[in-house]
Protein backbone atom coordinates (compact mmCIF):
# COMPACT_ATOMS: atom_id res chain seq x y z
CA MET A 1 186.83 178.28 39.85
CA ASN A 2 186.15 177.37 36.21
CA LEU A 3 187.09 180.43 34.16
CA GLN A 4 186.00 178.74 30.94
CA ALA A 5 182.40 178.85 32.15
CA HIS A 6 182.47 182.64 31.91
CA SER A 7 183.54 182.68 28.26
CA TRP A 8 181.17 183.61 25.45
CA HIS A 9 180.67 181.65 22.23
CA GLY A 10 178.62 183.96 20.05
CA THR A 11 177.32 182.66 16.73
CA CYS A 12 175.74 184.31 13.71
CA ASN A 13 174.20 182.22 10.92
CA LEU A 14 172.92 184.15 7.91
CA ARG A 15 171.38 183.39 4.53
CA LEU A 16 170.97 186.23 2.05
CA LYS A 17 168.31 185.54 -0.57
CA ASN A 18 165.87 187.14 -2.99
CA ARG A 19 162.74 188.76 -1.72
CA SER A 20 159.87 186.85 -3.35
CA GLY A 21 156.14 187.18 -3.79
CA LEU A 22 156.17 190.93 -4.47
CA ASP A 23 155.88 193.08 -7.58
CA ASP A 24 158.64 193.35 -10.16
CA LEU A 25 159.99 196.51 -8.56
CA HIS A 26 161.20 194.61 -5.51
CA LYS A 27 162.16 191.22 -6.93
CA SER A 28 165.83 192.18 -7.10
CA PHE A 29 166.04 193.16 -3.43
CA THR A 30 168.09 190.95 -1.13
CA ILE A 31 166.74 190.06 2.28
CA HIS A 32 168.25 188.01 5.07
CA GLN A 33 167.23 185.08 7.20
CA GLY A 34 169.32 184.27 10.20
CA SER A 35 169.84 183.75 13.87
CA CYS A 36 172.38 184.81 16.47
CA THR A 37 173.40 183.76 19.94
CA ALA A 38 174.68 186.20 22.56
CA PRO A 39 176.62 188.40 22.50
CA LEU A 40 175.97 188.79 18.73
CA LYS A 41 172.76 190.37 17.52
CA LEU A 42 171.36 191.42 14.14
CA MET A 43 170.11 194.96 13.72
CA ARG A 44 167.49 196.10 11.26
CA SER A 45 168.66 195.93 7.66
CA PHE A 46 168.19 198.58 5.00
CA HIS A 47 168.74 198.78 1.24
CA ASN A 48 170.38 201.15 -1.16
CA ASP A 49 168.82 202.05 -4.49
CA ASP A 50 170.20 199.03 -6.35
CA GLY A 51 168.72 196.58 -3.83
CA ARG A 52 171.89 195.71 -1.92
CA CYS A 53 171.07 194.60 1.61
CA HIS A 54 173.01 196.51 4.30
CA LEU A 55 173.01 194.49 7.50
CA PRO A 56 174.69 195.68 10.73
CA ILE A 57 175.80 193.11 13.31
CA ILE A 58 176.19 194.26 16.90
CA HIS A 59 178.34 192.78 19.65
CA THR A 60 176.35 193.50 22.79
CA ALA A 61 179.12 192.79 25.31
CA GLY A 62 181.72 195.38 26.25
CA GLY A 63 184.46 193.55 24.35
CA LEU A 64 186.16 190.17 24.07
CA VAL A 65 188.21 188.52 26.80
CA GLY A 66 190.45 185.45 26.78
CA GLY A 67 188.43 182.33 26.00
CA ASP A 68 185.70 184.14 24.07
CA LYS A 69 184.86 182.92 20.58
CA LEU A 70 182.81 184.34 17.73
CA THR A 71 181.62 182.28 14.76
CA MET A 72 179.97 183.64 11.61
CA ASN A 73 178.50 181.50 8.82
CA VAL A 74 177.13 183.48 5.88
CA THR A 75 175.59 182.15 2.67
CA VAL A 76 174.80 184.46 -0.24
CA GLU A 77 172.40 182.84 -2.66
CA LYS A 78 172.59 183.21 -6.45
CA ASN A 79 172.34 186.78 -7.80
CA ASN A 80 172.12 188.39 -4.36
CA THR A 81 174.11 191.34 -3.03
CA ALA A 82 174.84 192.38 0.53
CA LEU A 83 177.08 194.49 2.75
CA LEU A 84 177.79 193.34 6.29
CA THR A 85 179.30 195.60 8.92
CA ASN A 86 179.26 196.25 12.66
CA VAL A 87 178.39 199.34 14.64
CA ALA A 88 181.48 199.98 16.77
CA ALA A 89 185.14 199.12 17.15
CA GLN A 90 185.73 195.66 18.62
CA LYS A 91 187.87 195.56 21.77
CA VAL A 92 189.99 192.55 22.77
CA TYR A 93 191.16 192.79 26.37
CA GLY A 94 194.55 191.57 27.55
CA SER A 95 194.79 188.18 29.21
CA VAL A 96 198.54 187.53 29.55
CA GLY A 97 199.52 187.66 33.22
CA ARG A 98 196.00 188.49 34.37
CA SER A 99 195.14 185.16 35.98
CA LYS A 100 197.12 182.75 38.16
CA PHE A 101 195.14 179.90 36.56
CA ASN A 102 196.23 180.92 33.04
CA PRO A 103 199.37 183.08 33.42
CA ASP A 104 200.21 182.74 29.71
CA GLY A 105 196.81 184.13 28.81
CA LYS A 106 193.84 182.69 26.95
CA LEU A 107 193.11 182.95 23.27
CA THR A 108 190.22 184.94 21.82
CA GLU A 109 188.98 183.45 18.54
CA GLN A 110 186.94 184.66 15.60
CA ASN A 111 186.04 182.28 12.78
CA SER A 112 184.16 183.35 9.65
CA HIS A 113 182.92 181.31 6.70
CA PHE A 114 181.40 183.02 3.66
CA SER A 115 179.81 180.93 0.91
CA ILE A 116 178.86 183.02 -2.14
CA HIS A 117 176.84 181.36 -4.87
CA GLU A 118 176.83 182.16 -8.59
CA ASN A 119 176.83 185.90 -9.35
CA GLY A 120 176.53 186.71 -5.65
CA ASP A 121 178.28 189.77 -4.26
CA LEU A 122 179.30 190.22 -0.61
CA GLU A 123 181.14 193.12 1.03
CA TRP A 124 182.40 192.54 4.60
CA LEU A 125 183.49 195.85 6.15
CA PRO A 126 183.87 195.62 9.93
CA GLN A 127 185.07 198.56 11.96
CA GLU A 128 188.52 198.42 13.49
CA LEU A 129 189.65 195.94 16.10
CA VAL A 130 191.55 197.28 19.12
CA LEU A 131 193.84 194.72 20.75
CA PHE A 132 194.80 195.71 24.31
CA ASN A 133 198.20 195.05 25.89
CA GLY A 134 198.61 191.31 26.46
CA GLY A 135 195.66 190.40 24.24
CA LEU A 136 195.76 187.12 22.31
CA PHE A 137 193.62 187.12 19.18
CA GLU A 138 193.34 184.62 16.36
CA GLN A 139 190.98 184.76 13.41
CA THR A 140 190.27 182.54 10.44
CA MET A 141 188.28 183.51 7.36
CA ARG A 142 187.30 181.07 4.63
CA VAL A 143 185.55 182.32 1.49
CA ASP A 144 184.06 179.91 -1.06
CA LEU A 145 183.17 181.54 -4.36
CA ALA A 146 181.18 180.30 -7.33
CA SER A 147 181.50 181.43 -10.93
CA GLY A 148 180.79 185.15 -11.35
CA SER A 149 180.63 185.82 -7.60
CA SER A 150 182.68 188.43 -5.78
CA PHE A 151 183.93 189.21 -2.28
CA LEU A 152 185.40 192.37 -0.79
CA SER A 153 186.80 192.78 2.70
CA ALA A 154 188.71 195.48 4.59
CA GLU A 155 189.96 195.24 8.16
CA VAL A 156 191.95 197.58 10.37
CA VAL A 157 193.68 196.51 13.60
CA ARG A 158 195.14 198.77 16.31
CA LEU A 159 197.80 196.99 18.37
CA GLY A 160 197.55 198.57 21.80
CA ARG A 161 195.77 201.69 23.04
CA THR A 162 198.45 204.05 21.78
CA ALA A 163 196.65 207.18 22.99
CA ALA A 164 197.34 205.88 26.50
CA GLY A 165 200.96 204.98 25.67
CA GLU A 166 200.13 201.28 25.46
CA LYS A 167 201.59 198.69 23.07
CA LEU A 168 200.64 195.09 22.41
CA GLY A 169 203.45 193.82 24.64
CA SER A 170 203.44 190.04 24.99
CA GLY A 171 200.16 189.69 23.12
CA TYR A 172 199.70 188.67 19.49
CA TRP A 173 197.36 188.99 16.52
CA ARG A 174 197.06 186.03 14.15
CA SER A 175 195.09 185.77 10.95
CA GLY A 176 194.47 183.07 8.38
CA VAL A 177 192.54 183.89 5.19
CA GLU A 178 191.61 181.49 2.37
CA ILE A 179 189.62 182.39 -0.73
CA CYS A 180 188.77 179.53 -3.07
CA ARG A 181 186.72 179.68 -6.28
CA HIS A 182 184.88 176.52 -7.25
CA LEU A 183 184.65 176.07 -11.03
CA PRO A 184 183.52 173.15 -13.22
CA GLU A 185 187.14 172.53 -14.21
CA GLY A 186 188.31 172.48 -10.60
CA ASN A 187 189.09 174.64 -7.58
CA CYS A 188 191.15 177.81 -7.88
CA TRP A 189 192.83 179.27 -4.79
CA GLU A 190 192.66 183.01 -5.36
CA PHE A 191 194.14 184.18 -2.06
CA VAL A 192 195.83 182.40 0.86
CA ASP A 193 197.40 184.46 3.64
CA GLN A 194 198.84 183.52 7.05
CA LEU A 195 200.06 186.30 9.37
CA GLU A 196 201.19 186.70 12.95
CA LEU A 197 202.09 190.03 14.53
CA SER A 198 203.97 189.51 17.79
CA GLY A 199 207.41 189.85 19.36
CA GLU A 200 210.12 190.80 16.88
CA ALA A 201 207.60 191.22 14.03
CA LEU A 202 206.15 194.18 15.94
CA ARG A 203 209.54 195.90 16.19
CA SER A 204 211.48 194.86 13.10
CA ASN A 205 211.66 196.84 9.87
CA HIS A 206 210.80 193.55 8.20
CA GLY A 207 207.61 193.53 10.28
CA ILE A 208 205.61 196.63 11.16
CA ALA A 209 208.49 198.66 12.67
CA ASN A 210 206.71 199.69 15.90
CA GLN A 211 203.75 201.12 14.05
CA PRO A 212 200.48 200.58 15.94
CA VAL A 213 198.06 200.10 13.03
CA PHE A 214 197.85 197.31 10.46
CA GLY A 215 195.24 196.99 7.74
CA SER A 216 194.40 194.56 4.97
CA PHE A 217 192.10 194.89 1.95
CA ILE A 218 191.04 192.06 -0.38
CA TRP A 219 188.86 192.10 -3.48
CA ALA A 220 188.05 188.90 -5.36
CA ALA A 221 186.50 190.17 -8.58
CA PRO A 222 183.60 188.38 -10.28
CA ASN A 223 185.56 188.00 -13.54
CA ARG A 224 189.13 188.19 -14.72
CA LEU A 225 190.36 191.70 -15.41
CA SER A 226 192.11 192.56 -18.64
CA GLN A 227 195.76 193.57 -18.34
CA LYS A 228 194.83 197.14 -19.23
CA THR A 229 192.07 197.30 -16.62
CA GLN A 230 194.28 195.73 -13.97
CA THR A 231 197.11 198.19 -14.63
CA GLU A 232 194.75 201.15 -14.48
CA LEU A 233 193.17 199.91 -11.26
CA LEU A 234 196.57 199.59 -9.57
CA LYS A 235 197.58 203.05 -10.81
CA ASN A 236 194.39 204.61 -9.45
CA THR A 237 194.72 202.73 -6.17
CA ARG A 238 198.22 204.12 -5.64
CA ARG A 239 197.04 207.62 -6.44
CA GLN A 240 194.53 207.38 -3.61
CA ARG A 241 197.39 207.17 -1.08
CA GLN A 242 198.25 210.84 -1.47
CA GLY A 243 197.58 212.95 1.63
CA LEU A 244 197.33 209.92 3.94
CA GLU A 245 199.82 209.05 6.66
CA GLY A 246 201.46 205.64 6.65
CA THR A 247 203.02 203.03 4.40
CA MET A 248 200.63 201.64 1.80
CA THR A 249 201.19 198.92 -0.78
CA CYS A 250 198.93 197.16 -3.25
CA SER A 251 199.16 194.16 -5.54
CA ALA A 252 197.18 192.58 -8.35
CA LEU A 253 195.69 189.15 -7.78
CA ASP A 254 194.94 186.80 -10.67
CA GLN A 255 191.35 187.98 -10.34
CA GLY A 256 191.25 191.01 -8.07
CA LEU A 257 193.35 193.18 -5.79
CA SER A 258 194.97 193.14 -2.36
CA ALA A 259 196.36 196.04 -0.32
CA ARG A 260 198.17 196.57 2.99
CA TYR A 261 198.45 199.47 5.37
CA ILE A 262 201.08 199.97 8.12
CA GLY A 263 201.19 203.22 10.05
CA PRO A 264 199.94 205.31 12.98
CA SER A 265 196.39 206.11 11.87
CA THR A 266 193.27 203.96 11.76
CA GLN A 267 191.55 206.83 9.97
CA ALA A 268 194.16 206.89 7.19
CA ALA A 269 193.87 203.13 6.73
CA ARG A 270 190.09 203.29 6.65
CA PHE A 271 190.06 206.22 4.23
CA TRP A 272 192.41 204.50 1.79
CA PHE A 273 190.43 201.27 1.87
CA ILE A 274 187.15 203.13 1.35
CA ARG A 275 188.64 204.91 -1.66
CA ILE A 276 189.74 201.56 -3.12
CA TRP A 277 186.25 200.22 -2.44
CA ALA A 278 184.86 203.11 -4.48
CA LEU A 279 187.22 202.28 -7.35
CA THR A 280 186.04 198.66 -7.45
CA ARG A 281 182.41 199.79 -7.43
CA ALA A 282 183.03 202.20 -10.30
CA LEU A 283 184.90 199.55 -12.29
CA ARG A 284 181.83 197.32 -12.14
CA GLY A 285 179.34 200.07 -12.94
CA LEU A 286 177.76 199.85 -9.48
CA SER A 287 176.45 202.69 -7.35
CA PRO A 288 179.23 204.56 -5.47
CA PRO A 289 179.66 203.79 -1.76
CA GLU A 290 177.87 206.04 0.67
CA HIS A 291 178.75 206.85 4.26
CA LEU A 292 177.36 204.04 6.33
CA ARG A 293 175.12 205.82 8.79
CA LEU A 294 176.33 203.62 11.65
CA TRP A 295 180.00 204.51 11.17
CA PRO A 296 181.48 207.42 13.16
CA MET A 297 183.06 209.40 10.33
CA GLN A 298 184.91 212.59 11.26
CA GLU A 299 185.64 213.47 7.64
CA ASN A 300 184.37 212.55 4.21
CA PRO A 301 186.89 209.98 2.90
CA PHE A 302 186.00 210.90 -0.69
CA ALA A 303 186.56 214.65 -0.21
CA LYS A 304 189.44 216.24 -2.08
CA LYS A 305 191.95 217.91 0.22
CA LYS A 306 193.26 221.33 -0.74
CA SER A 307 196.97 221.46 -1.44
CA ASN A 308 198.83 222.56 1.69
CA PRO A 309 202.66 222.47 1.78
CA ASN A 310 202.54 222.47 5.59
CA HIS A 311 200.15 219.53 5.79
CA ARG A 312 201.20 217.32 8.67
CA TYR A 313 200.46 214.02 6.91
CA LYS A 314 203.35 212.19 5.30
CA THR A 315 202.88 209.38 2.83
CA HIS A 316 205.50 206.65 2.42
CA LEU A 317 205.32 205.26 -1.10
CA ALA A 318 206.90 201.92 -0.37
CA PRO A 319 207.65 199.48 -3.17
CA ASP A 320 204.53 197.52 -4.00
CA PHE A 321 204.53 193.76 -3.83
CA ASP A 322 203.15 192.94 -7.25
């Protein structure tokens, strides 16, 4: 029996470009051209008032199993703006010890390449990924930026179905992220990050200390921020941690911001990242983020909580890594 024959390789190739041939009112709107192979599928796009294209991507299968692979290639043409997301949490099923043909399990892969041309603006905001016990997941993300272009990404990972008392066990989550800006004077590596969460890193205080949720936020700004602006952004980002459960840290990049979340709550991670997203929008004079209608939100992440001394949430203000 050839188990590889049952694996999916879903692809999504997108180009985001200006709508042309219409009146001046619509010339600034971004549209998309693209194609997908199963199990990936594009849903109908919509636009906010400033013309940003919101495009949901759906994974039509019930989840990912060992041997499955997803590949995304996205190009944002000059002066275009877009937000890409998906419509549900992504599940990665365990493969370690599930097959006598592959007792060590089979890897599930996700590879993304984003190419953003001059003054382009892309936001990649997938919903959380749930990695089942014994799941093996590896992702790579490469972002190529031109002058004046920007990229924002937030991801949240749950390591095991903790509501059922499950942990990641002998599985692992690996991630490699590279963000490179291409300028006339040469290439500038703005962010390079290699992570693996497995084994001792899951348990150690130098890792994630048995917490089930890990999150990462990255913003590559279109232009360098002044020292004053950068300091104020970090201060406001840290303020947004109040009332949320978990350990949250943030750091200034040479041209942007990065943040980490470790804790028990995917909601807390998502809320903090959405609040940071709103700060970056405000800093650039863009329209504030709205609830994406495809996301299952239980609460408004921008709502102010009333002071309650008995509030069950506890925030750990860990030292930041800037």
